[in-house]
């Protein structure tokens, strides 16, 4: 039987972004046939997944 997937839980938040960044994101979203929201979610997930935590790790080791 066909089931419609609901996606994910979400919550509305407001962020203030530089105008130039918004323009770039909007252009990318249009070129890739995505909503601006979908693009921002993908960008944030990528940034978090690829976050350099080297400095945080060094601070943790130094404090021991």
PDB file of N, CA and C in Angstrom:
ATOM      1  N   UNK A   1       0.840  -1.182   0.000  1.00  0.00           N
ATOM      2  CA  UNK A   1       0.000   0.000   0.000  1.00  0.00           C
ATOM      3  C   UNK A   1       0.890   1.252   0.000  1.00  0.00           C
ATOM      4  N   UNK A   2       0.455   2.278  -0.719  1.00  0.00           N
ATOM      5  CA  UNK A   2       1.202   3.528  -0.812  1.00  0.00           C
ATOM      6  C   UNK A   2       1.047   4.330   0.472  1.00  0.00           C
ATOM      7  N   UNK A   3       2.191   4.799   1.029  1.00  0.00           N
ATOM      8  CA  UNK A   3       2.177   5.640   2.237  1.00  0.00           C
ATOM      9  C   UNK A   3       2.904   6.932   1.944  1.00  0.00           C
ATOM     10  N   UNK A   4       2.311   8.054   2.284  1.00  0.00           N
ATOM     11  CA  UNK A   4       2.963   9.351   2.121  1.00  0.00           C
ATOM     12  C   UNK A   4       3.851   9.598   3.328  1.00  0.00           C
ATOM     13  N   UNK A   5       5.113   9.891   3.070  1.00  0.00           N
ATOM     14  CA  UNK A   5       6.054  10.176   4.143  1.00  0.00           C
ATOM     15  C   UNK A   5       5.911  11.639   4.550  1.00  0.00           C
ATOM     16  N   UNK A   6       5.933  11.884   5.837  1.00  0.00           N
ATOM     17  CA  UNK A   6       5.740  13.245   6.346  1.00  0.00           C
ATOM     18  C   UNK A   6       7.025  14.052   6.427  1.00  0.00           C
ATOM     19  N   UNK A   7       8.163  13.433   6.245  1.00  0.00           N
ATOM     20  CA  UNK A   7       9.400  14.204   6.337  1.00  0.00           C
ATOM     21  C   UNK A   7       9.966  14.181   7.736  1.00  0.00           C
ATOM     22  N   UNK A   8      10.117  15.346   8.326  1.00  0.00           N
ATOM     23  CA  UNK A   8      10.761  15.449   9.623  1.00  0.00           C
ATOM     24  C   UNK A   8      10.037  16.487  10.478  1.00  0.00           C
ATOM     25  N   UNK A   9      10.227  16.388  11.783  1.00  0.00           N
ATOM     26  CA  UNK A   9       9.682  17.405  12.680  1.00  0.00           C
ATOM     27  C   UNK A   9      10.438  18.702  12.439  1.00  0.00           C
ATOM     28  N   UNK A  10       9.746  19.797  12.514  1.00  0.00           N
ATOM     29  CA  UNK A  10      10.423  21.071  12.308  1.00  0.00           C
ATOM     30  C   UNK A  10       9.874  22.119  13.266  1.00  0.00           C
ATOM     31  N   UNK A  11      10.642  23.160  13.408  1.00  0.00           N
ATOM     32  CA  UNK A  11      10.271  24.278  14.266  1.00  0.00           C
ATOM     33  C   UNK A  11      10.683  25.551  13.545  1.00  0.00           C
ATOM     34  N   UNK A  12       9.876  26.559  13.651  1.00  0.00           N
ATOM     35  CA  UNK A  12      10.169  27.820  12.982  1.00  0.00           C
ATOM     36  C   UNK A  12      11.091  28.684  13.844  1.00  0.00           C
ATOM     37  N   UNK A  13      12.179  29.142  13.234  1.00  0.00           N
ATOM     38  CA  UNK A  13      13.133  30.050  13.893  1.00  0.00           C
ATOM     39  C   UNK A  13      13.434  31.191  12.935  1.00  0.00           C
ATOM     40  N   UNK A  14      13.845  32.312  13.462  1.00  0.00           N
ATOM     41  CA  UNK A  14      14.227  33.451  12.642  1.00  0.00           C
ATOM     42  C   UNK A  14      15.715  33.704  12.807  1.00  0.00           C
ATOM     43  N   UNK A  15      16.415  33.807  11.676  1.00  0.00           N
ATOM     44  CA  UNK A  15      17.841  34.102  11.690  1.00  0.00           C
ATOM     45  C   UNK A  15      18.092  35.330  10.836  1.00  0.00           C
ATOM     46  N   UNK A  16      18.988  36.170  11.261  1.00  0.00           N
ATOM     47  CA  UNK A  16      19.374  37.343  10.478  1.00  0.00           C
ATOM     48  C   UNK A  16      20.651  36.994   9.727  1.00  0.00           C
ATOM     49  N   UNK A  17      20.568  37.068   8.404  1.00  0.00           N
ATOM     50  CA  UNK A  17      21.701  36.718   7.559  1.00  0.00           C
ATOM     51  C   UNK A  17      22.091  37.920   6.713  1.00  0.00           C
ATOM     52  N   UNK A  18      23.366  38.034   6.357  1.00  0.00           N
ATOM     53  CA  UNK A  18      23.789  39.126   5.482  1.00  0.00           C
ATOM     54  C   UNK A  18      23.055  39.046   4.131  1.00  0.00           C
ATOM     55  N   UNK A  19      22.707  40.204   3.592  1.00  0.00           N
ATOM     56  CA  UNK A  19      21.947  40.284   2.343  1.00  0.00           C
ATOM     57  C   UNK A  19      22.654  39.543   1.211  1.00  0.00           C
ATOM     58  N   UNK A  20      23.968  39.727   1.087  1.00  0.00           N
ATOM     59  CA  UNK A  20      24.716  39.059   0.020  1.00  0.00           C
ATOM     60  C   UNK A  20      24.657  37.537   0.135  1.00  0.00           C
ATOM     61  N   UNK A  21      24.708  37.021   1.362  1.00  0.00           N
ATOM     62  CA  UNK A  21      24.616  35.580   1.575  1.00  0.00           C
ATOM     63  C   UNK A  21      23.238  35.075   1.156  1.00  0.00           C
ATOM     64  N   UNK A  22      22.209  35.815   1.487  1.00  0.00           N
ATOM     65  CA  UNK A  22      20.844  35.434   1.103  1.00  0.00           C
ATOM     66  C   UNK A  22      20.721  35.377  -0.414  1.00  0.00           C
ATOM     67  N   UNK A  23      21.270  36.361  -1.099  1.00  0.00           N
ATOM     68  CA  UNK A  23      21.222  36.375  -2.563  1.00  0.00           C
ATOM     69  C   UNK A  23      21.907  35.147  -3.146  1.00  0.00           C
ATOM     70  N   UNK A  24      23.080  34.803  -2.611  1.00  0.00           N
ATOM     71  CA  UNK A  24      23.809  33.632  -3.097  1.00  0.00           C
ATOM     72  C   UNK A  24      23.016  32.351  -2.855  1.00  0.00           C
ATOM     73  N   UNK A  25      22.428  32.241  -1.658  1.00  0.00           N
ATOM     74  CA  UNK A  25      21.641  31.055  -1.333  1.00  0.00           C
ATOM     75  C   UNK A  25      20.407  30.949  -2.224  1.00  0.00           C
ATOM     76  N   UNK A  26      19.739  32.065  -2.450  1.00  0.00           N
ATOM     77  CA  UNK A  26      18.557  32.060  -3.317  1.00  0.00           C
ATOM     78  C   UNK A  26      18.919  31.642  -4.735  1.00  0.00           C
ATOM     79  N   UNK A  27      20.034  32.153  -5.253  1.00  0.00           N
ATOM     80  CA  UNK A  27      20.481  31.786  -6.596  1.00  0.00           C
ATOM     81  C   UNK A  27      20.785  30.288  -6.681  1.00  0.00           C
ATOM     82  N   UNK A  28      21.489  29.780  -5.678  1.00  0.00           N
ATOM     83  CA  UNK A  28      21.803  28.350  -5.652  1.00  0.00           C
ATOM     84  C   UNK A  28      20.543  27.499  -5.579  1.00  0.00           C
ATOM     85  N   UNK A  29      19.591  27.927  -4.780  1.00  0.00           N
ATOM     86  CA  UNK A  29      18.339  27.181  -4.632  1.00  0.00           C
ATOM     87  C   UNK A  29      17.606  27.109  -5.971  1.00  0.00           C
ATOM     88  N   UNK A  30      17.516  28.233  -6.669  1.00  0.00           N
ATOM     89  CA  UNK A  30      16.832  28.263  -7.967  1.00  0.00           C
ATOM     90  C   UNK A  30      17.557  27.368  -8.971  1.00  0.00           C
ATOM     91  N   UNK A  31      18.881  27.500  -9.056  1.00  0.00           N
ATOM     92  CA  UNK A  31      19.664  26.712 -10.010  1.00  0.00           C
ATOM     93  C   UNK A  31      19.540  25.214  -9.762  1.00  0.00           C
ATOM     94  N   UNK A  32      19.351  24.828  -8.501  1.00  0.00           N
ATOM     95  CA  UNK A  32      19.281  23.413  -8.144  1.00  0.00           C
ATOM     96  C   UNK A  32      17.858  22.922  -7.891  1.00  0.00           C
ATOM     97  N   UNK A  33      16.886  23.758  -8.218  1.00  0.00           N
ATOM     98  CA  UNK A  33      15.466  23.413  -8.084  1.00  0.00           C
ATOM     99  C   UNK A  33      15.120  22.922  -6.671  1.00  0.00           C
ATOM    100  N   UNK A  34      15.604  23.684  -5.693  1.00  0.00           N
ATOM    101  CA  UNK A  34      15.326  23.409  -4.284  1.00  0.00           C
ATOM    102  C   UNK A  34      14.650  24.628  -3.682  1.00  0.00           C
ATOM    103  N   UNK A  35      13.944  24.408  -2.593  1.00  0.00           N
ATOM    104  CA  UNK A  35      13.454  25.563  -1.849  1.00  0.00           C
ATOM    105  C   UNK A  35      14.639  26.143  -1.084  1.00  0.00           C
ATOM    106  N   UNK A  36      14.559  27.404  -0.754  1.00  0.00           N
ATOM    107  CA  UNK A  36      15.611  28.036   0.035  1.00  0.00           C
ATOM    108  C   UNK A  36      15.770  27.292   1.360  1.00  0.00           C
ATOM    109  N   UNK A  37      14.676  26.893   1.953  1.00  0.00           N
ATOM    110  CA  UNK A  37      14.708  26.176   3.222  1.00  0.00           C
ATOM    111  C   UNK A  37      15.454  24.848   3.090  1.00  0.00           C
ATOM    112  N   UNK A  38      15.174  24.088   2.024  1.00  0.00           N
ATOM    113  CA  UNK A  38      15.869  22.816   1.814  1.00  0.00           C
ATOM    114  C   UNK A  38      17.373  23.030   1.660  1.00  0.00           C
ATOM    115  N   UNK A  39      17.745  24.055   0.913  1.00  0.00           N
ATOM    116  CA  UNK A  39      19.167  24.347   0.708  1.00  0.00           C
ATOM    117  C   UNK A  39      19.853  24.720   2.020  1.00  0.00           C
ATOM    118  N   UNK A  40      19.227  25.569   2.805  1.00  0.00           N
ATOM    119  CA  UNK A  40      19.814  25.995   4.083  1.00  0.00           C
ATOM    120  C   UNK A  40      19.979  24.790   5.009  1.00  0.00           C
ATOM    121  N   UNK A  41      18.996  23.903   5.050  1.00  0.00           N
ATOM    122  CA  UNK A  41      19.092  22.704   5.887  1.00  0.00           C
ATOM    123  C   UNK A  41      20.280  21.858   5.445  1.00  0.00           C
ATOM    124  N   UNK A  42      20.435  21.660   4.124  1.00  0.00           N
ATOM    125  CA  UNK A  42      21.558  20.869   3.623  1.00  0.00           C
ATOM    126  C   UNK A  42      22.893  21.525   3.949  1.00  0.00           C
ATOM    127  N   UNK A  43      22.975  22.832   3.803  1.00  0.00           N
ATOM    128  CA  UNK A  43      24.213  23.558   4.123  1.00  0.00           C
ATOM    129  C   UNK A  43      24.564  23.436   5.599  1.00  0.00           C
ATOM    130  N   UNK A  44      23.587  23.592   6.457  1.00  0.00           N
ATOM    131  CA  UNK A  44      23.836  23.494   7.903  1.00  0.00           C
ATOM    132  C   UNK A  44      24.239  22.082   8.297  1.00  0.00           C
ATOM    133  N   UNK A  45      23.563  21.068   7.737  1.00  0.00           N
ATOM    134  CA  UNK A  45      23.933  19.680   8.036  1.00  0.00           C
ATOM    135  C   UNK A  45      25.350  19.377   7.584  1.00  0.00           C
ATOM    136  N   UNK A  46      25.719  19.866   6.405  1.00  0.00           N
ATOM    137  CA  UNK A  46      27.084  19.656   5.905  1.00  0.00           C
ATOM    138  C   UNK A  46      28.098  20.340   6.824  1.00  0.00           C
ATOM    139  N   UNK A  47      27.817  21.574   7.205  1.00  0.00           N
ATOM    140  CA  UNK A  47      28.739  22.319   8.067  1.00  0.00           C
ATOM    141  C   UNK A  47      28.934  21.618   9.412  1.00  0.00           C
ATOM    142  N   UNK A  48      27.869  21.130   9.985  1.00  0.00           N
ATOM    143  CA  UNK A  48      27.959  20.440  11.277  1.00  0.00           C
ATOM    144  C   UNK A  48      28.716  19.123  11.136  1.00  0.00           C
ATOM    145  N   UNK A  49      28.433  18.384  10.064  1.00  0.00           N
ATOM    146  CA  UNK A  49      29.097  17.095   9.845  1.00  0.00           C
ATOM    147  C   UNK A  49      30.585  17.257   9.578  1.00  0.00           C
ATOM    148  N   UNK A  50      30.980  18.396   9.033  1.00  0.00           N
ATOM    149  CA  UNK A  50      32.378  18.618   8.665  1.00  0.00           C
ATOM    150  C   UNK A  50      33.055  19.656   9.547  1.00  0.00           C
ATOM    151  N   UNK A  51      32.528  19.873  10.713  1.00  0.00           N
ATOM    152  CA  UNK A  51      33.053  20.853  11.646  1.00  0.00           C
ATOM    153  C   UNK A  51      34.416  20.422  12.162  1.00  0.00           C
ATOM    154  N   UNK A  52      35.380  21.316  12.122  1.00  0.00           N
ATOM    155  CA  UNK A  52      36.716  21.048  12.639  1.00  0.00           C
ATOM    156  C   UNK A  52      36.693  21.262  14.143  1.00  0.00           C
ATOM    157  N   UNK A  53      36.801  20.189  14.877  1.00  0.00           N
ATOM    158  CA  UNK A  53      36.768  20.275  16.341  1.00  0.00           C
ATOM    159  C   UNK A  53      38.163  20.125  16.940  1.00  0.00           C
ATOM    160  N   UNK A  54      39.192  20.283  16.135  1.00  0.00           N
ATOM    161  CA  UNK A  54      40.578  20.128  16.600  1.00  0.00           C
ATOM    162  C   UNK A  54      40.872  21.030  17.783  1.00  0.00           C
ATOM    163  N   UNK A  55      40.483  22.300  17.691  1.00  0.00           N
ATOM    164  CA  UNK A  55      40.753  23.251  18.775  1.00  0.00           C
ATOM    165  C   UNK A  55      40.017  22.845  20.047  1.00  0.00           C
ATOM    166  N   UNK A  56      38.748  22.402  19.917  1.00  0.00           N
ATOM    167  CA  UNK A  56      37.994  21.950  21.080  1.00  0.00           C
ATOM    168  C   UNK A  56      38.649  20.734  21.719  1.00  0.00           C
ATOM    169  N   UNK A  57      39.131  19.790  20.895  1.00  0.00           N
ATOM    170  CA  UNK A  57      39.795  18.601  21.412  1.00  0.00           C
ATOM    171  C   UNK A  57      41.077  18.968  22.156  1.00  0.00           C
ATOM    172  N   UNK A  58      41.837  19.943  21.619  1.00  0.00           N
ATOM    173  CA  UNK A  58      43.074  20.364  22.259  1.00  0.00           C
ATOM    174  C   UNK A  58      42.802  20.986  23.623  1.00  0.00           C
ATOM    175  N   UNK A  59      41.740  21.788  23.714  1.00  0.00           N
ATOM    176  CA  UNK A  59      41.389  22.421  24.990  1.00  0.00           C
ATOM    177  C   UNK A  59      41.004  21.362  26.018  1.00  0.00           C
ATOM    178  N   UNK A  60      40.282  20.323  25.577  1.00  0.00           N
ATOM    179  CA  UNK A  60      39.867  19.250  26.479  1.00  0.00           C
ATOM    180  C   UNK A  60      41.088  18.509  27.006  1.00  0.00           C
ATOM    181  N   UNK A  61      42.054  18.221  26.124  1.00  0.00           N
ATOM    182  CA  UNK A  61      43.253  17.503  26.538  1.00  0.00           C
ATOM    183  C   UNK A  61      44.159  18.359  27.419  1.00  0.00           C
ATOM    184  N   UNK A  62      44.213  19.667  27.160  1.00  0.00           N
ATOM    185  CA  UNK A  62      45.067  20.567  27.931  1.00  0.00           C
ATOM    186  C   UNK A  62      44.545  20.747  29.363  1.00  0.00           C
ATOM    187  N   UNK A  63      43.237  20.653  29.548  1.00  0.00           N
ATOM    188  CA  UNK A  63      42.664  20.907  30.868  1.00  0.00           C
ATOM    189  C   UNK A  63      42.766  19.708  31.800  1.00  0.00           C
ATOM    190  N   UNK A  64      43.226  18.570  31.269  1.00  0.00           N
ATOM    191  CA  UNK A  64      43.318  17.356  32.099  1.00  0.00           C
ATOM    192  C   UNK A  64      44.617  17.294  32.834  1.00  0.00           C
TER     193      UNK A  64
END
